Amino acid sequence: MAEKKTTKMAEQTWDATSLPDLAGRTAVVTGANSGIGLRAADGLARAGAHVVFAVRDPERGRAAAATVNGSTEVRRLDLADLSSVREFADAWQGRPLDLLINNAGVMMLPQQRTADGFEMQFGTNHLGHFALTNLLLPYVTDRVVTLSSGAHRWFGARIRFEDLNWTSGYDPNRAYAQSKLANLMFTLELQRRLTESGSPVRALAAHPGYAATNLQSHAGSAVMRGFMKIGNRFFAQDDRAGALPTLYAATQDLPGASYVGPDGFGEMRGGPTLVGRTAAASDAAQARRLWAVSEELTGVSWPLGAGAGAGERVAGER
């Protein structure tokens, strides 16, 4: 009995000090200048990895990197502008990349458009990371971790294939839920393609639970911002705890397409563990359909050869 209690306690106290030695490894973390991204970057760097801060504002990125104890560099990346995504990938120049952490995101914004005309949340959270991943994938050696959210479970969450960019009836909450559902479906289809192409790279997803970050401060509704401010103060875990599922997914020996989140009530807080997802997030056919649409919208295609066939077959189903 004592041994079982000890094991359970060890699992509950997994934190950044539990990370393996990452010396000689390189990680790209999008949105690493604050919140979950900064804490994940800090954990990876402290474990010995060289961490690339992929950020929209290099000045803020350099200020954030200066707070990290380890090897870092800062490169500009605006996920809301596909030309910026291409510039970032083109500048990589064949350098091996062990870990790609698709962390950056925007949340419940008033209606806005990316530089390419996409709804901002879908364009940034999903399409920007979709393009970045495919452009960098030939250099990735270990895994891709994409941040999703419990929002993928929200009532009515679905991929609006008939109007992905919310040209009518815009709802910031549902648009955010769509983007987070897309992150999980992207991970599912990415892993299928990696497996079929014979690649050893793994695709995983993670979510931070309810973590207090500055992401909530950008919600379009003043009422929502008020509720979130109260929640951040009294109910949320801090951003260091919120980064643990990311770090766990990035470093532990987990199956491809795994989803990691907190182990507490409602997956709101706690230590990192494998968690479930909705039926919509597990729908392989819809994930292939989303992939085909994403290729058309971004102009970025699967780079590894075998494994693309099923996605191409559903391209005409829209």
Protein backbone atom coordinates (compact mmCIF):
# COMPACT_ATOMS: atom_id res chain seq x y z
CA MET A 1 0.00 0.00 0.00
CA ALA A 2 2.81 2.39 0.88
CA GLU A 3 4.46 1.78 -2.49
CA LYS A 4 1.25 2.68 -4.32
CA LYS A 5 0.94 5.94 -2.40
CA THR A 6 4.54 6.83 -3.15
CA THR A 7 4.07 6.14 -6.86
CA LYS A 8 0.92 8.24 -7.00
CA MET A 9 2.63 11.10 -5.22
CA ALA A 10 5.55 10.93 -7.66
CA GLU A 11 3.15 11.15 -10.59
CA GLN A 12 1.37 14.14 -9.07
CA THR A 13 4.60 16.06 -8.50
CA TRP A 14 5.97 15.77 -12.06
CA ASP A 15 7.32 19.20 -12.88
CA ALA A 16 10.00 20.93 -14.91
CA THR A 17 12.72 19.47 -12.67
CA SER A 18 11.63 16.03 -13.94
CA LEU A 19 12.70 16.84 -17.50
CA PRO A 20 15.40 14.66 -19.06
CA ASP A 21 18.74 16.08 -20.14
CA LEU A 22 18.07 17.95 -23.40
CA ALA A 23 21.65 19.04 -24.13
CA GLY A 24 22.35 19.20 -27.85
CA ARG A 25 18.67 19.44 -28.78
CA THR A 26 16.95 22.39 -30.48
CA ALA A 27 13.36 23.50 -29.87
CA VAL A 28 11.22 26.14 -31.56
CA VAL A 29 8.48 27.58 -29.34
CA THR A 30 5.96 29.88 -30.97
CA GLY A 31 4.65 32.69 -28.80
CA ALA A 32 7.50 32.17 -26.32
CA ASN A 33 7.57 35.79 -25.15
CA SER A 34 4.96 35.33 -22.40
CA GLY A 35 2.66 32.98 -20.50
CA ILE A 36 2.68 29.25 -21.19
CA GLY A 37 5.13 29.66 -24.07
CA LEU A 38 7.71 31.48 -21.95
CA ARG A 39 7.44 28.93 -19.15
CA ALA A 40 7.78 26.04 -21.59
CA ALA A 41 10.79 27.71 -23.22
CA ASP A 42 12.35 28.28 -19.81
CA GLY A 43 11.86 24.63 -18.82
CA LEU A 44 13.39 23.35 -22.05
CA ALA A 45 16.35 25.73 -21.84
CA ARG A 46 17.05 24.87 -18.20
CA ALA A 47 17.12 21.20 -19.23
CA GLY A 48 19.85 22.00 -21.76
CA ALA A 49 17.98 22.58 -25.03
CA HIS A 50 18.72 25.49 -27.34
CA VAL A 51 15.37 27.28 -27.57
CA VAL A 52 14.31 29.48 -30.46
CA PHE A 53 11.75 32.09 -29.45
CA ALA A 54 9.49 32.41 -32.52
CA VAL A 55 7.64 35.63 -31.78
CA ARG A 56 5.80 38.42 -33.55
CA ASP A 57 7.67 41.18 -31.68
CA PRO A 58 11.43 40.45 -31.55
CA GLU A 59 12.04 43.22 -29.00
CA ARG A 60 9.60 41.64 -26.55
CA GLY A 61 11.03 38.25 -27.44
CA ARG A 62 14.56 39.37 -26.54
CA ALA A 63 13.37 40.81 -23.24
CA ALA A 64 11.66 37.50 -22.43
CA ALA A 65 14.64 35.42 -23.53
CA ALA A 66 16.87 37.46 -21.21
CA THR A 67 14.89 36.07 -18.26
CA VAL A 68 15.63 32.47 -19.24
CA ASN A 69 18.59 30.56 -17.84
CA GLY A 70 19.94 28.73 -20.87
CA SER A 71 20.73 28.89 -24.58
CA THR A 72 18.22 30.94 -26.58
CA GLU A 73 17.77 32.94 -29.75
CA VAL A 74 14.93 35.09 -31.05
CA ARG A 75 13.43 34.97 -34.54
CA ARG A 76 10.47 36.90 -35.89
CA LEU A 77 7.32 34.94 -36.74
CA ASP A 78 3.84 36.37 -37.30
CA LEU A 79 1.44 33.43 -37.58
CA ALA A 80 -1.27 35.79 -38.86
CA ASP A 81 0.79 36.45 -41.99
CA LEU A 82 1.71 33.48 -44.21
CA SER A 83 4.55 35.45 -45.82
CA SER A 84 6.13 35.74 -42.37
CA VAL A 85 5.65 32.01 -41.80
CA ARG A 86 7.41 31.26 -45.08
CA GLU A 87 10.24 33.67 -44.27
CA PHE A 88 10.79 31.96 -40.92
CA ALA A 89 10.86 28.51 -42.53
CA ASP A 90 13.09 29.63 -45.42
CA ALA A 91 15.62 31.02 -42.94
CA TRP A 92 15.88 27.69 -41.15
CA GLN A 93 18.27 26.45 -43.89
CA GLY A 94 18.29 22.74 -43.17
CA ARG A 95 19.21 22.95 -39.50
CA PRO A 96 17.95 19.91 -37.51
CA LEU A 97 14.96 20.70 -35.30
CA ASP A 98 14.18 18.28 -32.49
CA LEU A 99 11.04 19.86 -31.07
CA LEU A 100 8.45 22.15 -32.64
CA ILE A 101 6.08 23.56 -30.01
CA ASN A 102 3.03 25.18 -31.64
CA ASN A 103 2.09 27.24 -28.61
CA ALA A 104 1.09 30.74 -29.79
CA GLY A 105 -2.55 31.65 -29.97
CA VAL A 106 -5.23 34.31 -29.70
CA MET A 107 -8.48 33.94 -27.79
CA MET A 108 -12.05 35.19 -28.18
CA LEU A 109 -11.16 38.31 -30.14
CA PRO A 110 -13.53 40.80 -31.72
CA GLN A 111 -13.89 39.95 -35.39
CA GLN A 112 -10.58 40.51 -37.18
CA ARG A 113 -8.78 39.21 -40.26
CA THR A 114 -5.23 37.97 -40.79
CA ALA A 115 -3.00 39.47 -43.45
CA ASP A 116 -4.31 36.78 -45.82
CA GLY A 117 -7.97 37.45 -45.05
CA PHE A 118 -8.68 34.55 -42.68
CA GLU A 119 -10.72 34.87 -39.49
CA MET A 120 -8.03 35.77 -36.96
CA GLN A 121 -8.44 32.90 -34.49
CA PHE A 122 -8.68 30.16 -37.12
CA GLY A 123 -5.95 31.82 -39.18
CA THR A 124 -3.51 32.23 -36.29
CA ASN A 125 -4.21 29.24 -34.07
CA HIS A 126 -4.65 26.68 -36.83
CA LEU A 127 -3.66 27.81 -40.33
CA GLY A 128 -0.47 29.60 -39.27
CA HIS A 129 0.72 26.56 -37.33
CA PHE A 130 -0.43 24.22 -40.09
CA ALA A 131 1.76 26.07 -42.61
CA LEU A 132 4.70 26.39 -40.22
CA THR A 133 4.67 22.69 -39.34
CA ASN A 134 4.57 21.50 -42.92
CA LEU A 135 7.33 23.90 -43.99
CA LEU A 136 9.61 22.85 -41.11
CA LEU A 137 8.71 19.16 -41.03
CA PRO A 138 11.59 18.00 -43.26
CA TYR A 139 13.94 19.22 -40.50
CA VAL A 140 12.02 17.89 -37.47
CA THR A 141 13.69 14.88 -35.84
CA ASP A 142 11.55 14.10 -32.80
CA ARG A 143 8.08 15.58 -32.35
CA VAL A 144 5.55 18.32 -32.92
CA VAL A 145 3.44 19.46 -29.95
CA THR A 146 0.39 21.62 -30.67
CA LEU A 147 -1.52 23.47 -27.97
CA SER A 148 -5.26 22.91 -27.91
CA SER A 149 -7.77 23.74 -25.18
CA GLY A 150 -10.72 22.45 -23.22
CA ALA A 151 -12.64 24.88 -25.43
CA HIS A 152 -12.79 22.14 -28.06
CA ARG A 153 -15.49 20.61 -25.81
CA TRP A 154 -17.68 23.70 -25.68
CA PHE A 155 -21.29 23.30 -26.72
CA GLY A 156 -21.65 23.65 -30.46
CA ALA A 157 -17.91 23.38 -31.16
CA ARG A 158 -17.42 22.21 -34.74
CA ILE A 159 -15.50 22.96 -37.91
CA ARG A 160 -17.69 25.25 -40.01
CA PHE A 161 -16.61 23.96 -43.40
CA GLU A 162 -19.41 25.98 -44.99
CA ASP A 163 -17.96 29.23 -43.55
CA LEU A 164 -14.58 28.70 -41.91
CA ASN A 165 -13.85 32.41 -41.88
CA TRP A 166 -17.11 33.48 -40.23
CA THR A 167 -18.24 35.84 -42.96
CA SER A 168 -21.62 35.93 -41.19
CA GLY A 169 -22.87 35.39 -37.64
CA TYR A 170 -19.46 35.84 -36.02
CA ASP A 171 -19.24 34.55 -32.45
CA PRO A 172 -15.82 35.00 -30.77
CA ASN A 173 -16.33 32.08 -28.39
CA ARG A 174 -17.41 29.61 -31.06
CA ALA A 175 -14.67 30.83 -33.41
CA TYR A 176 -12.12 30.16 -30.68
CA ALA A 177 -13.60 26.71 -30.03
CA GLN A 178 -13.37 25.95 -33.75
CA SER A 179 -9.68 26.85 -33.81
CA LYS A 180 -8.91 24.67 -30.79
CA LEU A 181 -10.85 21.74 -32.24
CA ALA A 182 -8.87 22.25 -35.44
CA ASN A 183 -5.62 21.95 -33.44
CA LEU A 184 -6.62 18.47 -32.26
CA MET A 185 -7.83 17.35 -35.68
CA PHE A 186 -4.59 18.63 -37.20
CA THR A 187 -2.59 16.56 -34.70
CA LEU A 188 -4.65 13.46 -35.50
CA GLU A 189 -4.14 13.73 -39.26
CA LEU A 190 -0.51 14.78 -38.91
CA GLN A 191 0.22 11.61 -36.95
CA ARG A 192 -1.58 9.47 -39.54
CA ARG A 193 0.53 10.96 -42.30
CA LEU A 194 3.75 10.60 -40.33
CA THR A 195 2.99 6.93 -39.66
CA GLU A 196 2.10 6.17 -43.28
CA SER A 197 5.23 7.92 -44.55
CA GLY A 198 7.41 5.86 -42.20
CA SER A 199 8.61 8.91 -40.27
CA PRO A 200 9.76 8.42 -36.64
CA VAL A 201 8.46 11.91 -35.78
CA ARG A 202 5.48 12.02 -33.43
CA ALA A 203 2.64 14.53 -33.30
CA LEU A 204 1.06 15.23 -29.91
CA ALA A 205 -1.29 17.79 -28.43
CA ALA A 206 -1.54 19.39 -25.00
CA HIS A 207 -3.70 21.82 -23.11
CA PRO A 208 -2.83 23.83 -19.99
CA GLY A 209 -6.13 23.57 -18.13
CA TYR A 210 -7.17 26.87 -16.58
CA ALA A 211 -3.91 28.78 -16.36
CA ALA A 212 -3.57 32.47 -15.53
CA THR A 213 -1.91 34.16 -18.52
CA ASN A 214 -2.34 37.38 -20.47
CA LEU A 215 -4.21 35.50 -23.20
CA GLN A 216 -7.55 36.04 -21.45
CA SER A 217 -7.01 39.80 -21.28
CA HIS A 218 -7.62 40.08 -25.03
CA ALA A 219 -11.16 38.68 -25.00
CA GLY A 220 -13.51 40.93 -26.96
CA SER A 221 -16.19 41.17 -24.27
CA ALA A 222 -15.54 43.39 -21.24
CA VAL A 223 -17.83 41.13 -19.21
CA MET A 224 -15.82 38.07 -20.24
CA ARG A 225 -12.56 39.82 -19.39
CA GLY A 226 -13.98 40.63 -15.97
CA PHE A 227 -14.98 37.03 -15.28
CA MET A 228 -11.58 35.81 -16.45
CA LYS A 229 -9.77 38.30 -14.23
CA ILE A 230 -11.64 36.93 -11.23
CA GLY A 231 -11.05 33.34 -12.35
CA ASN A 232 -7.33 33.96 -12.89
CA ARG A 233 -7.00 35.31 -9.37
CA PHE A 234 -9.00 32.74 -7.43
CA PHE A 235 -9.27 29.53 -9.46
CA ALA A 236 -6.53 29.27 -12.05
CA GLN A 237 -3.14 27.64 -11.67
CA ASP A 238 -0.12 29.72 -12.56
CA ASP A 239 1.55 29.70 -15.96
CA ARG A 240 4.41 27.48 -14.77
CA ALA A 241 1.92 24.75 -13.87
CA GLY A 242 0.03 25.44 -17.09
CA ALA A 243 3.19 24.75 -19.10
CA LEU A 244 3.70 21.28 -17.62
CA PRO A 245 1.42 19.44 -20.10
CA THR A 246 3.43 21.01 -22.93
CA LEU A 247 6.73 19.92 -21.39
CA TYR A 248 5.37 16.45 -20.65
CA ALA A 249 4.15 15.99 -24.23
CA ALA A 250 7.47 17.29 -25.57
CA THR A 251 9.73 14.97 -23.61
CA GLN A 252 7.98 11.84 -22.34
CA ASP A 253 7.71 8.55 -24.24
CA LEU A 254 4.08 8.84 -25.36
CA PRO A 255 2.24 7.41 -28.38
CA GLY A 256 1.71 9.62 -31.39
CA ALA A 257 -1.56 11.62 -31.35
CA SER A 258 -1.58 11.60 -27.53
CA TYR A 259 -3.33 14.48 -25.77
CA VAL A 260 -1.93 15.73 -22.45
CA GLY A 261 -3.68 17.90 -19.88
CA PRO A 262 -3.98 18.40 -16.11
CA ASP A 263 -5.17 15.47 -13.99
CA GLY A 264 -7.39 17.48 -11.64
CA PHE A 265 -11.16 17.98 -11.61
CA GLY A 266 -12.43 18.95 -15.03
CA GLU A 267 -8.83 19.02 -16.28
CA MET A 268 -8.63 22.56 -14.92
CA ARG A 269 -5.46 22.13 -12.88
CA GLY A 270 -3.06 19.49 -11.62
CA GLY A 271 -0.17 17.40 -12.87
CA PRO A 272 0.18 16.37 -16.53
CA THR A 273 -1.47 13.18 -17.70
CA LEU A 274 -3.05 11.69 -20.82
CA VAL A 275 -6.60 13.00 -21.30
CA GLY A 276 -9.51 12.30 -23.62
CA ARG A 277 -11.11 14.35 -26.36
CA THR A 278 -14.50 14.68 -28.00
CA ALA A 279 -15.80 12.48 -30.79
CA ALA A 280 -15.44 15.41 -33.18
CA ALA A 281 -11.75 15.70 -32.30
CA SER A 282 -11.33 11.97 -33.01
CA ASP A 283 -13.11 11.97 -36.38
CA ALA A 284 -10.42 10.80 -38.82
CA ALA A 285 -12.47 11.54 -41.95
CA GLN A 286 -13.19 15.11 -40.88
CA ALA A 287 -9.55 15.56 -39.88
CA ARG A 288 -8.52 14.56 -43.40
CA ARG A 289 -11.06 16.96 -44.82
CA LEU A 290 -9.73 19.79 -42.67
CA TRP A 291 -6.20 19.01 -43.81
CA ALA A 292 -7.19 19.18 -47.49
CA VAL A 293 -8.95 22.52 -46.97
CA SER A 294 -5.99 23.86 -45.00
CA GLU A 295 -3.62 22.97 -47.83
CA GLU A 296 -5.83 24.87 -50.27
CA LEU A 297 -6.13 27.92 -48.05
CA THR A 298 -2.43 28.20 -47.18
CA GLY A 299 -0.89 26.86 -50.38
CA VAL A 300 1.35 24.66 -48.22
CA SER A 301 1.37 20.92 -48.95
CA TRP A 302 2.47 17.79 -47.16
CA PRO A 303 6.25 17.57 -47.61
CA LEU A 304 7.11 13.92 -46.89
CA GLY A 305 5.61 11.99 -49.79
CA ALA A 306 3.68 8.85 -48.77
CA GLY A 307 0.72 9.33 -46.47
CA ALA A 308 -1.07 12.07 -48.38
CA GLY A 309 -3.46 9.93 -50.36
CA ALA A 310 -6.37 9.79 -47.94
CA GLY A 311 -6.29 13.55 -47.45
CA GLU A 312 -6.39 14.14 -51.19
CA ARG A 313 -9.37 11.81 -51.61
CA VAL A 314 -11.56 13.93 -49.37
CA ALA A 315 -10.63 17.26 -50.93
CA GLY A 316 -13.76 17.21 -53.09
CA GLU A 317 -16.17 16.45 -50.25
CA ARG A 318 -16.73 20.04 -49.19
